[in-house]
Amino acid sequence: MMWLNVAVLLWMVPGFTAGYPLKLCNGLNASQHHLRQLELTMHAFPGALLEGDCVEVDPCAQKTSRGEALAAGVWHWRNSSALRMGGYEDLVRSGDAGTEAYNWFAIEYARVPEGIHLRACEPNFDAYRLHQELVCADNTEVSISKGLGAPACPSSASPYSLLDCMLSVERRPVVETLPYRAKNVHMAFGSRTWYEACTGNISAEAAHLCSVLETSYELHVPLATTVSRTQMVWYDFSPGFGCFLPSEVTAGHRLSRLEFPNTIEGCPPVANGVHASSLDPTACDFSCNAGYTKMPTGCVLGCTTGGGVALTATRCADGEYASGMCSGGGVTYYECAPCAEVPGSAVSEWSELRVNTCLYTPCAAGKFGRGNKCMDCPVNTISPLGNASACQPCDSPATGLYQPAPGQTECVPCFSDPPAVVCPAGQTLHTSFADIRAYFNRTGLHQHENMTAFCMHAHACLPCEPGSFAREGEAQCTSCATGHYQPHYQSVECFACSLGQTTLRTGATSPTECVCEPGFE
């Protein structure tokens, strides 16, 4: 297998960088917390990742960053010295790093680059004790590979966020659910709103996270369990992947990326030309037959206008018109220019029947026009009429209306279809805009008011007010009985007055409302 030693050769090739390692780590909760505290402007691979308690594996050399062998295609137990992680474990194990006598915890998460297949499981201790075999316990294996639908970090073929660099290897990880937040509310990452963080100059990793947060009602983030049992790992290249050098690429093929792991991909066929070797091993190249001109899109016939402008485009792109043209070899070629923007409208597809004319079509209701394109109005906005250049917000906090779907023409009343929800103890269920508004006006707890989120979830669980309580499973708060009081929010019971005292009303909120009963002084 020729890829075993190419990691050493990699440093001898000008312009090459080291490949992307497989990382096996502990400290998932700390890593997630660290990422949540960072502003999105700092979300860049790999510097923003907190990977202190990790072991780094070079899949090409099949060694760790410390130079210890870790073969591909076989199972390894966590008690192997090769799987010793840095950080805290290095401090503890510095005295006996070469032994394998102890089981040093487990493995919580992994950073799996594109091209690597990782498997992890809990060990079958009986198989090892009786036969010295490394075998997974039944129904504990976790398999991670881009080919199996898991995200890769990094990936050259699809976008990814830094959350994709922390994949849990536990069979049943704890999952924290981050609910949808309006774009003008602080995000769960950093201290800014979506509008503040996602509309500026940010990395591709941060931009992908912004896209996920914009379109998902809930984001599920894995956390480590209290006692992790994943202690065995197996890794190898995904089918077709390895550590390929430019010298292994022939005409008609290209590398998926320079960094390892990578794969050799076929180039698309070339009409009126042949494949050629490329100076850039990650790109395809070709040469054209006689009479054809090489263009980024392929080999095309060409001509020159009376003004000496060489034209090679056989059609204009949508959103353009032909500002000039000429003919050559029986083919008409066009000089193209962008159509003027008309707000609220979209430019129709370019057509040879009207080469020098832009045809505009008003955007339909539920959409808005920008950049000569019609797009769906985002969630919680509408466009009642066509030909709109902007969408109108539902403004849930002021109107009690919302819209959970994109591309709509009207807002709908909040809480029109409330779910069957049981609030936690000490809270009461509200499914009325007026009731929720009255609650916050009455209590003054406006810092906790998020009417947009309440509308999106079709309900709100709000703390019982002073003078009331709600036990587990009770949908509404109950006023404290006479002789009892409760000065706090979100209570599950009321305090009793002292012996011989009572209150003059139900729903008392202070011990000062306790007065002596007749016969007690």
Protein backbone atom coordinates (compact mmCIF):
# COMPACT_ATOMS: atom_id res chain seq x y z
CA MET A 1 0.00 0.00 0.00
CA MET A 2 1.95 2.97 -1.34
CA TRP A 3 0.22 5.59 0.80
CA LEU A 4 1.80 4.40 4.06
CA ASN A 5 4.89 6.61 3.84
CA VAL A 6 3.77 9.53 1.69
CA ALA A 7 3.34 11.74 4.79
CA VAL A 8 7.14 11.96 4.89
CA LEU A 9 7.33 12.76 1.17
CA LEU A 10 4.67 15.46 1.56
CA TRP A 11 7.12 17.88 3.15
CA MET A 12 9.45 17.51 0.15
CA VAL A 13 6.88 18.79 -2.36
CA PRO A 14 6.91 22.63 -2.77
CA GLY A 15 3.62 24.28 -1.86
CA PHE A 16 2.30 21.31 0.10
CA THR A 17 1.09 21.47 3.67
CA ALA A 18 0.58 18.69 6.17
CA GLY A 19 -2.67 16.82 5.93
CA TYR A 20 -5.63 16.92 8.29
CA PRO A 21 -5.29 14.53 11.25
CA LEU A 22 -7.90 12.44 12.98
CA LYS A 23 -8.30 13.74 16.54
CA LEU A 24 -9.70 11.72 19.46
CA CYS A 25 -10.56 13.83 22.46
CA ASN A 26 -12.06 14.20 25.90
CA GLY A 27 -13.48 17.42 27.33
CA LEU A 28 -16.49 17.65 24.99
CA ASN A 29 -18.48 19.83 27.38
CA ALA A 30 -15.60 22.27 27.85
CA SER A 31 -15.02 22.40 24.08
CA GLN A 32 -18.68 23.09 23.39
CA HIS A 33 -18.77 25.78 26.10
CA HIS A 34 -15.64 27.41 24.66
CA LEU A 35 -17.19 27.51 21.18
CA ARG A 36 -20.45 28.96 22.52
CA GLN A 37 -18.57 31.84 24.17
CA LEU A 38 -16.70 32.88 21.02
CA GLU A 39 -18.04 35.56 18.70
CA LEU A 40 -18.68 34.24 15.20
CA THR A 41 -15.91 36.46 13.86
CA MET A 42 -13.52 34.10 15.70
CA HIS A 43 -15.04 30.86 14.31
CA ALA A 44 -12.21 29.75 12.04
CA PHE A 45 -10.77 26.27 11.56
CA PRO A 46 -8.75 25.05 13.38
CA GLY A 47 -7.60 27.87 15.68
CA ALA A 48 -10.99 28.38 17.36
CA LEU A 49 -11.21 24.75 18.53
CA LEU A 50 -10.35 23.87 22.13
CA GLU A 51 -8.56 20.54 21.78
CA GLY A 52 -6.35 20.34 24.84
CA ASP A 53 -7.19 16.76 25.91
CA CYS A 54 -6.68 15.02 22.56
CA VAL A 55 -4.48 12.58 20.70
CA GLU A 56 -3.69 13.41 17.07
CA VAL A 57 -3.47 10.57 14.53
CA ASP A 58 -1.75 10.89 11.13
CA PRO A 59 -3.69 8.40 8.95
CA CYS A 60 -0.98 8.44 6.28
CA ALA A 61 1.92 7.50 8.57
CA GLN A 62 -0.44 5.58 10.90
CA LYS A 63 1.22 7.26 13.86
CA THR A 64 0.28 9.73 16.55
CA SER A 65 1.84 13.20 16.74
CA ARG A 66 4.21 11.71 19.34
CA GLY A 67 5.45 9.16 16.78
CA GLU A 68 3.75 6.11 18.35
CA ALA A 69 2.34 3.56 15.90
CA LEU A 70 -1.44 3.32 15.60
CA ALA A 71 -2.30 0.99 12.74
CA ALA A 72 -5.33 1.53 10.54
CA GLY A 73 -7.95 -1.16 10.07
CA VAL A 74 -7.62 -2.69 13.54
CA TRP A 75 -9.24 -2.01 16.89
CA HIS A 76 -7.33 -0.12 19.59
CA TRP A 77 -8.14 0.10 23.30
CA ARG A 78 -7.96 3.37 25.18
CA ASN A 79 -5.44 1.93 27.64
CA SER A 80 -2.81 1.85 24.87
CA SER A 81 -0.04 4.38 25.48
CA ALA A 82 -0.48 5.55 21.87
CA LEU A 83 -3.95 6.81 22.80
CA ARG A 84 -2.70 8.86 25.73
CA MET A 85 -4.27 12.28 25.45
CA GLY A 86 -2.59 15.58 26.21
CA GLY A 87 -3.58 18.20 28.74
CA TYR A 88 -4.55 16.87 32.15
CA GLU A 89 -3.79 13.26 31.29
CA ASP A 90 -0.22 14.11 30.28
CA LEU A 91 0.31 15.65 33.71
CA VAL A 92 -1.09 12.62 35.52
CA ARG A 93 0.60 9.95 33.40
CA SER A 94 3.97 11.58 32.84
CA GLY A 95 5.59 9.05 35.15
CA ASP A 96 4.44 5.88 33.36
CA ALA A 97 3.62 6.94 29.81
CA GLY A 98 5.05 3.71 28.39
CA THR A 99 2.82 1.29 30.29
CA GLU A 100 -0.60 -0.08 29.42
CA ALA A 101 -1.62 -1.20 32.87
CA TYR A 102 -4.43 1.26 33.46
CA ASN A 103 -7.70 2.26 31.85
CA TRP A 104 -7.45 6.05 31.60
CA PHE A 105 -11.02 7.14 31.15
CA ALA A 106 -12.77 6.94 27.77
CA ILE A 107 -13.17 8.86 24.50
CA GLU A 108 -15.92 11.48 24.25
CA TYR A 109 -15.63 13.02 20.78
CA ALA A 110 -13.63 13.10 17.58
CA ARG A 111 -12.65 15.47 14.80
CA VAL A 112 -13.02 13.34 11.66
CA PRO A 113 -11.63 14.80 8.41
CA GLU A 114 -13.16 14.03 5.04
CA GLY A 115 -11.89 10.69 3.78
CA ILE A 116 -11.66 8.94 7.16
CA HIS A 117 -14.05 6.29 8.50
CA LEU A 118 -14.07 6.10 12.30
CA ARG A 119 -15.70 3.42 14.42
CA ALA A 120 -15.94 3.48 18.22
CA CYS A 121 -17.54 1.24 20.81
CA GLU A 122 -17.62 -0.04 24.35
CA PRO A 123 -15.33 -3.08 24.90
CA ASN A 124 -16.56 -6.59 25.57
CA PHE A 125 -14.58 -7.23 28.75
CA ASP A 126 -15.47 -10.93 28.81
CA ALA A 127 -13.97 -11.48 25.34
CA TYR A 128 -10.76 -9.77 26.40
CA ARG A 129 -10.58 -11.52 29.76
CA LEU A 130 -11.20 -15.00 28.30
CA HIS A 131 -9.57 -14.79 24.87
CA GLN A 132 -7.50 -11.54 24.84
CA GLU A 133 -9.63 -10.34 21.90
CA LEU A 134 -10.65 -6.72 21.32
CA VAL A 135 -14.35 -7.08 20.54
CA CYS A 136 -17.15 -4.52 20.80
CA ALA A 137 -19.93 -5.10 23.27
CA ASP A 138 -23.24 -5.81 21.55
CA ASN A 139 -25.10 -2.81 20.11
CA THR A 140 -22.52 -0.23 21.23
CA GLU A 141 -20.71 0.60 17.98
CA VAL A 142 -20.83 4.15 16.57
CA SER A 143 -19.72 4.61 12.94
CA ILE A 144 -18.70 8.05 11.62
CA SER A 145 -17.98 8.73 7.95
CA LYS A 146 -19.08 11.33 5.43
CA GLY A 147 -20.20 8.44 3.24
CA LEU A 148 -22.58 7.40 6.04
CA GLY A 149 -24.11 10.88 6.24
CA ALA A 150 -21.96 12.29 9.04
CA PRO A 151 -20.36 15.73 8.57
CA ALA A 152 -16.62 15.93 7.95
CA CYS A 153 -14.17 18.44 9.42
CA PRO A 154 -12.68 19.80 7.34
CA SER A 155 -14.56 19.01 4.13
CA SER A 156 -13.69 20.16 0.63
CA ALA A 157 -16.96 18.92 -0.86
CA SER A 158 -19.60 20.43 1.43
CA PRO A 159 -19.90 23.31 3.94
CA TYR A 160 -19.31 22.64 7.62
CA SER A 161 -19.31 24.52 10.93
CA LEU A 162 -17.02 24.07 13.92
CA LEU A 163 -19.79 22.06 15.61
CA ASP A 164 -19.08 19.41 12.96
CA CYS A 165 -15.52 19.21 14.33
CA MET A 166 -16.85 17.80 17.63
CA LEU A 167 -18.70 14.56 16.84
CA SER A 168 -19.72 12.49 19.83
CA VAL A 169 -18.51 8.88 19.78
CA GLU A 170 -20.82 7.82 22.61
CA ARG A 171 -23.65 5.45 21.90
CA ARG A 172 -26.22 7.61 23.67
CA PRO A 173 -24.80 11.13 24.08
CA VAL A 174 -26.59 13.78 26.08
CA VAL A 175 -28.18 16.25 23.65
CA GLU A 176 -28.75 19.93 24.44
CA THR A 177 -31.48 21.51 22.35
CA LEU A 178 -30.94 25.13 21.31
CA PRO A 179 -34.33 26.55 20.26
CA TYR A 180 -34.82 28.94 17.37
CA ARG A 181 -34.12 32.56 18.23
CA ALA A 182 -35.32 35.58 16.30
CA LYS A 183 -32.65 37.41 14.31
CA ASN A 184 -32.83 40.43 16.59
CA VAL A 185 -32.26 38.34 19.74
CA HIS A 186 -28.83 37.34 21.06
CA MET A 187 -27.74 34.02 19.57
CA ALA A 188 -26.59 30.96 21.49
CA PHE A 189 -23.08 31.66 20.16
CA GLY A 190 -21.27 34.79 21.31
CA SER A 191 -23.06 37.91 22.50
CA ARG A 192 -24.49 39.30 19.27
CA THR A 193 -27.74 38.92 17.38
CA TRP A 194 -27.95 37.04 14.09
CA TYR A 195 -28.16 40.31 12.20
CA GLU A 196 -25.06 41.66 13.94
CA ALA A 197 -22.93 38.52 13.64
CA CYS A 198 -23.99 36.92 10.35
CA THR A 199 -24.09 39.85 7.93
CA GLY A 200 -20.44 40.89 8.21
CA ASN A 201 -17.13 39.46 7.07
CA ILE A 202 -16.95 36.00 8.67
CA SER A 203 -15.33 32.66 7.88
CA ALA A 204 -16.98 29.96 5.78
CA GLU A 205 -17.38 27.86 8.95
CA ALA A 206 -19.23 30.71 10.71
CA ALA A 207 -21.33 31.41 7.61
CA HIS A 208 -22.51 27.79 7.53
CA LEU A 209 -23.48 27.97 11.22
CA CYS A 210 -25.41 31.18 10.46
CA SER A 211 -27.27 29.37 7.69
CA VAL A 212 -28.18 26.51 10.04
CA LEU A 213 -29.35 28.90 12.77
CA GLU A 214 -31.42 30.85 10.25
CA THR A 215 -33.32 27.86 8.87
CA SER A 216 -33.59 25.47 11.85
CA TYR A 217 -36.17 25.75 14.61
CA GLU A 218 -33.93 23.67 16.88
CA LEU A 219 -30.22 22.87 16.95
CA HIS A 220 -29.14 19.69 18.72
CA VAL A 221 -25.71 19.90 20.35
CA PRO A 222 -24.17 16.70 21.80
CA LEU A 223 -22.66 16.76 25.30
CA ALA A 224 -20.70 14.15 27.21
CA THR A 225 -22.48 11.71 29.48
CA THR A 226 -21.60 11.61 33.19
CA VAL A 227 -19.86 8.24 32.76
CA SER A 228 -18.62 7.57 29.22
CA ARG A 229 -17.92 3.93 28.30
CA THR A 230 -16.52 4.34 24.77
CA GLN A 231 -12.98 2.96 25.01
CA MET A 232 -12.21 1.30 21.65
CA VAL A 233 -11.59 2.91 18.26
CA TRP A 234 -10.94 1.74 14.69
CA TYR A 235 -10.10 3.96 11.73
CA ASP A 236 -9.26 3.64 8.06
CA PHE A 237 -9.65 5.56 4.82
CA SER A 238 -13.10 5.83 3.29
CA PRO A 239 -13.42 4.02 -0.08
CA GLY A 240 -11.34 5.78 -2.74
CA PHE A 241 -9.46 7.99 -0.26
CA GLY A 242 -5.80 7.84 0.71
CA CYS A 243 -2.74 10.08 0.68
CA PHE A 244 -2.24 10.84 -3.01
CA LEU A 245 0.51 13.02 -4.47
CA PRO A 246 0.38 15.17 -7.64
CA SER A 247 2.74 12.71 -9.31
CA GLU A 248 -0.02 10.10 -9.13
CA VAL A 249 -2.50 12.26 -11.06
CA THR A 250 -2.82 11.62 -14.81
CA ALA A 251 -4.51 13.71 -17.52
CA GLY A 252 -8.27 13.61 -17.11
CA HIS A 253 -8.06 13.38 -13.30
CA ARG A 254 -7.53 15.70 -10.36
CA LEU A 255 -6.96 15.62 -6.62
CA SER A 256 -9.96 16.44 -4.43
CA ARG A 257 -7.54 18.61 -2.40
CA LEU A 258 -3.80 18.89 -1.76
CA GLU A 259 -4.10 18.07 1.94
CA PHE A 260 -4.37 14.46 3.07
CA PRO A 261 -6.67 12.53 3.15
CA ASN A 262 -7.66 13.08 -0.46
CA THR A 263 -8.95 11.16 -3.46
CA ILE A 264 -8.34 11.17 -7.21
CA GLU A 265 -11.44 12.24 -9.12
CA GLY A 266 -12.25 12.00 -12.81
CA CYS A 267 -12.60 15.17 -14.88
CA PRO A 268 -15.73 15.79 -16.96
CA PRO A 269 -15.52 14.98 -20.69
CA VAL A 270 -14.25 17.72 -23.04
CA ALA A 271 -16.24 18.41 -26.20
CA ASN A 272 -14.07 19.42 -29.17
CA GLY A 273 -10.87 18.87 -27.21
CA VAL A 274 -8.81 16.45 -25.11
CA HIS A 275 -7.76 16.29 -21.48
CA ALA A 276 -4.32 17.64 -20.61
CA SER A 277 -2.08 17.61 -17.53
CA SER A 278 -2.72 20.55 -15.20
CA LEU A 279 -0.19 22.65 -13.30
CA ASP A 280 -2.74 22.70 -10.49
CA PRO A 281 -3.27 19.06 -9.42
CA THR A 282 -6.66 19.96 -7.92
CA ALA A 283 -7.99 21.34 -11.23
CA CYS A 284 -8.80 19.83 -14.61
CA ASP A 285 -7.17 21.10 -17.80
CA PHE A 286 -7.70 20.49 -21.50
CA SER A 287 -6.60 21.56 -24.96
CA CYS A 288 -8.94 22.33 -27.84
CA ASN A 289 -9.12 20.97 -31.36
CA ALA A 290 -8.14 23.18 -34.30
CA GLY A 291 -10.64 25.99 -34.89
CA TYR A 292 -11.86 26.10 -31.27
CA THR A 293 -11.01 28.53 -28.50
CA LYS A 294 -10.25 27.43 -24.96
CA MET A 295 -12.61 29.03 -22.46
CA PRO A 296 -13.34 28.27 -18.78
CA THR A 297 -16.50 26.46 -19.86
CA GLY A 298 -14.87 24.39 -22.62
CA CYS A 299 -13.83 24.57 -26.27
CA VAL A 300 -15.95 26.99 -28.30
CA LEU A 301 -15.94 28.53 -31.71
CA GLY A 302 -15.38 32.27 -31.72
CA CYS A 303 -15.63 35.47 -33.78
CA THR A 304 -14.65 39.14 -33.65
CA THR A 305 -17.01 42.14 -33.85
CA GLY A 306 -16.43 45.08 -36.18
CA GLY A 307 -14.96 46.90 -33.19
CA GLY A 308 -12.34 44.17 -32.72
CA VAL A 309 -13.94 42.56 -29.66
CA ALA A 310 -13.46 38.77 -29.60
CA LEU A 311 -16.69 37.01 -28.65
CA THR A 312 -17.01 33.40 -27.54
CA ALA A 313 -20.35 33.30 -25.67
CA THR A 314 -23.08 31.47 -27.57
CA ARG A 315 -25.74 32.79 -25.18
CA CYS A 316 -26.07 35.36 -22.46
CA ALA A 317 -26.69 34.36 -18.88
CA ASP A 318 -30.07 34.91 -17.29
CA GLY A 319 -30.16 38.53 -16.13
CA GLU A 320 -28.14 39.73 -19.13
CA TYR A 321 -28.88 40.99 -22.64
CA ALA A 322 -26.82 41.05 -25.82
CA SER A 323 -25.16 44.43 -26.28
CA GLY A 324 -23.30 43.16 -29.36
CA MET A 325 -23.01 40.06 -31.55
CA CYS A 326 -21.19 38.45 -34.48
CA SER A 327 -21.26 35.16 -36.40
CA GLY A 328 -18.56 32.59 -37.08
CA GLY A 329 -18.67 29.04 -38.37
CA GLY A 330 -22.45 29.25 -38.60
CA VAL A 331 -22.70 30.10 -34.88
CA THR A 332 -23.84 33.45 -33.40
CA TYR A 333 -21.76 34.82 -30.52
CA TYR A 334 -22.84 37.51 -28.10
CA GLU A 335 -21.34 40.33 -26.07
CA CYS A 336 -23.42 40.40 -22.90
CA ALA A 337 -24.22 43.10 -20.34
CA PRO A 338 -26.26 42.95 -17.10
CA CYS A 339 -29.90 44.02 -17.14
CA ALA A 340 -30.83 47.06 -15.04
CA GLU A 341 -32.35 46.15 -11.66
CA VAL A 342 -36.09 46.71 -11.23
CA PRO A 343 -37.12 46.37 -7.55
CA GLY A 344 -39.91 43.87 -6.92
CA SER A 345 -39.30 42.06 -10.21
CA ALA A 346 -37.23 39.27 -11.69
CA VAL A 347 -35.60 39.12 -15.10
CA SER A 348 -36.96 36.34 -17.28
CA GLU A 349 -34.60 33.79 -18.76
CA TRP A 350 -32.47 35.01 -21.64
CA SER A 351 -33.88 33.96 -25.00
CA GLU A 352 -32.57 33.98 -28.57
CA LEU A 353 -35.97 35.38 -29.58
CA ARG A 354 -35.20 38.70 -27.82
CA VAL A 355 -31.42 38.74 -27.45
CA ASN A 356 -31.08 42.49 -26.80
CA THR A 357 -34.10 42.97 -24.53
CA CYS A 358 -34.58 42.40 -20.80
CA LEU A 359 -38.04 41.07 -19.89
CA TYR A 360 -39.19 41.67 -16.33
CA THR A 361 -41.82 39.69 -14.38
CA PRO A 362 -43.31 41.04 -11.12
CA CYS A 363 -42.66 38.85 -8.08
CA ALA A 364 -45.70 36.93 -6.84
CA ALA A 365 -47.29 37.51 -3.45
CA GLY A 366 -45.26 35.87 -0.70
CA LYS A 367 -42.01 36.83 -2.40
CA PHE A 368 -39.83 39.91 -2.79
CA GLY A 369 -37.55 41.01 -5.59
CA ARG A 370 -33.92 41.92 -5.17
CA GLY A 371 -31.00 41.70 -7.59
CA ASN A 372 -33.48 40.87 -10.39
CA LYS A 373 -34.47 37.67 -8.56
CA CYS A 374 -37.65 36.73 -6.69
CA MET A 375 -37.12 35.11 -3.30
CA ASP A 376 -39.42 33.74 -0.60
CA CYS A 377 -40.15 36.05 2.29
CA PRO A 378 -38.29 34.72 5.37
CA VAL A 379 -40.00 33.18 8.39
CA ASN A 380 -42.18 35.65 10.34
CA THR A 381 -42.44 38.04 7.38
CA ILE A 382 -45.03 38.27 4.59
CA SER A 383 -45.74 39.91 1.27
CA PRO A 384 -49.52 40.30 0.80
CA LEU A 385 -49.23 41.69 -2.72
CA GLY A 386 -47.02 41.02 -5.71
CA ASN A 387 -44.24 43.27 -7.04
CA ALA A 388 -42.81 43.78 -3.52
CA SER A 389 -39.22 44.88 -3.05
CA ALA A 390 -39.26 44.01 0.67
CA CYS A 391 -41.28 41.84 3.05
CA GLN A 392 -43.36 43.09 5.93
CA PRO A 393 -42.58 41.76 9.45
CA CYS A 394 -45.37 40.12 11.41
CA ASP A 395 -44.05 41.97 14.49
CA SER A 396 -45.29 39.33 16.93
CA PRO A 397 -44.66 41.34 20.13
CA ALA A 398 -46.96 44.14 18.93
CA THR A 399 -49.57 42.31 16.85
CA GLY A 400 -49.89 38.81 18.29
CA LEU A 401 -49.38 37.45 14.78
CA TYR A 402 -46.59 35.32 13.32
CA GLN A 403 -45.76 33.19 10.30
CA PRO A 404 -43.75 29.97 10.78
CA ALA A 405 -43.23 29.25 7.08
CA PRO A 406 -41.35 31.17 4.36
CA GLY A 407 -43.01 32.53 1.23
CA GLN A 408 -46.35 33.46 2.80
CA THR A 409 -48.89 36.24 2.15
CA GLU A 410 -50.40 36.76 5.59
CA CYS A 411 -49.56 36.45 9.25
CA VAL A 412 -51.63 34.09 11.39
CA PRO A 413 -52.70 34.48 15.02
CA CYS A 414 -50.27 33.20 17.60
CA PHE A 415 -51.35 30.20 19.69
CA SER A 416 -54.04 29.13 17.18
CA ASP A 417 -52.98 25.47 17.52
CA PRO A 418 -51.40 25.04 20.97
CA PRO A 419 -49.65 21.70 21.64
CA ALA A 420 -50.39 19.36 24.52
CA VAL A 421 -47.68 20.61 26.88
CA VAL A 422 -47.17 20.10 30.60
CA CYS A 423 -45.10 22.89 32.11
CA PRO A 424 -42.45 22.22 34.78
CA ALA A 425 -43.46 22.51 38.42
CA GLY A 426 -43.80 26.12 39.53
CA GLN A 427 -44.90 27.31 36.07
CA THR A 428 -48.23 27.86 34.37
CA LEU A 429 -49.25 27.27 30.76
CA HIS A 430 -50.29 30.28 28.68
CA THR A 431 -51.71 29.99 25.16
CA SER A 432 -53.18 33.47 24.74
CA PHE A 433 -51.39 36.55 23.43
CA ALA A 434 -53.49 38.79 25.68
CA ASP A 435 -52.80 36.66 28.77
CA ILE A 436 -49.04 36.66 28.15
CA ARG A 437 -48.96 40.39 27.51
CA ALA A 438 -51.02 41.01 30.69
CA TYR A 439 -48.65 38.73 32.66
CA PHE A 440 -45.56 40.76 31.74
CA ASN A 441 -47.34 44.09 32.21
CA ARG A 442 -48.48 42.91 35.63
CA THR A 443 -45.16 41.45 36.79
CA GLY A 444 -42.72 43.80 35.07
CA LEU A 445 -40.53 40.85 34.01
CA HIS A 446 -40.08 42.22 30.50
CA GLN A 447 -36.45 41.07 30.36
CA HIS A 448 -37.80 37.51 29.97
CA GLU A 449 -40.42 38.41 27.36
CA ASN A 450 -39.85 36.83 23.93
CA MET A 451 -43.20 36.89 22.18
CA THR A 452 -41.71 35.76 18.87
CA ALA A 453 -40.40 32.54 20.44
CA PHE A 454 -43.67 32.02 22.33
CA CYS A 455 -45.57 32.33 19.05
CA MET A 456 -43.23 29.93 17.25
CA HIS A 457 -43.75 27.28 19.96
CA ALA A 458 -47.51 28.08 20.27
CA HIS A 459 -47.28 28.30 24.07
CA ALA A 460 -45.40 29.83 26.97
CA CYS A 461 -44.54 28.33 30.35
CA LEU A 462 -44.28 31.26 32.77
CA PRO A 463 -43.38 31.28 36.49
CA CYS A 464 -46.23 31.30 38.98
CA GLU A 465 -46.53 34.76 40.52
CA PRO A 466 -46.05 35.47 44.23
CA GLY A 467 -49.10 34.31 46.17
CA SER A 468 -49.53 31.19 44.02
CA PHE A 469 -47.92 27.80 43.28
CA ALA A 470 -48.10 24.83 40.89
CA ARG A 471 -47.07 21.27 41.63
CA GLU A 472 -45.68 18.80 39.08
CA GLY A 473 -48.27 18.04 36.39
CA GLU A 474 -50.57 20.97 37.21
CA ALA A 475 -51.33 23.18 34.22
CA GLN A 476 -52.32 26.30 36.17
CA CYS A 477 -51.11 28.10 39.26
CA THR A 478 -53.27 27.92 42.41
CA SER A 479 -53.61 30.81 44.85
CA CYS A 480 -52.27 30.21 48.34
CA ALA A 481 -55.07 29.23 50.73
CA THR A 482 -55.91 31.40 53.73
CA GLY A 483 -53.34 30.97 56.44
CA HIS A 484 -50.58 30.62 53.83
CA TYR A 485 -48.39 32.96 51.77
CA GLN A 486 -45.66 32.84 49.07
CA PRO A 487 -43.40 35.84 48.31
CA HIS A 488 -41.47 34.20 45.43
CA TYR A 489 -41.96 33.41 41.74
CA GLN A 490 -42.05 29.82 40.39
CA SER A 491 -43.02 28.13 43.65
CA VAL A 492 -44.34 24.61 44.16
CA GLU A 493 -45.97 25.25 47.53
CA CYS A 494 -46.95 28.03 49.94
CA PHE A 495 -45.57 28.78 53.41
CA ALA A 496 -47.90 28.36 56.40
CA CYS A 497 -48.40 31.18 58.88
CA SER A 498 -47.32 30.57 62.46
CA LEU A 499 -49.61 28.70 64.84
CA GLY A 500 -52.58 30.82 65.73
CA GLN A 501 -52.24 33.06 62.68
CA THR A 502 -54.15 33.29 59.42
CA THR A 503 -54.47 35.65 56.44
CA LEU A 504 -57.41 37.83 55.50
CA ARG A 505 -57.36 36.65 51.90
CA THR A 506 -56.20 33.90 49.59
CA GLY A 507 -53.12 34.57 47.47
CA ALA A 508 -51.13 36.28 50.25
CA THR A 509 -47.63 37.28 49.16
CA SER A 510 -45.89 38.23 52.42
CA PRO A 511 -45.55 36.94 55.99
CA THR A 512 -46.69 40.39 57.12
CA GLU A 513 -50.18 39.42 55.95
CA CYS A 514 -50.34 36.77 58.69
CA VAL A 515 -52.54 38.09 61.56
CA CYS A 516 -53.67 36.56 64.83
CA GLU A 517 -56.80 34.47 64.80
CA PRO A 518 -59.50 35.22 67.36
CA GLY A 519 -58.34 34.03 70.78
CA PHE A 520 -54.66 34.48 69.97
CA GLU A 521 -52.74 37.61 70.78
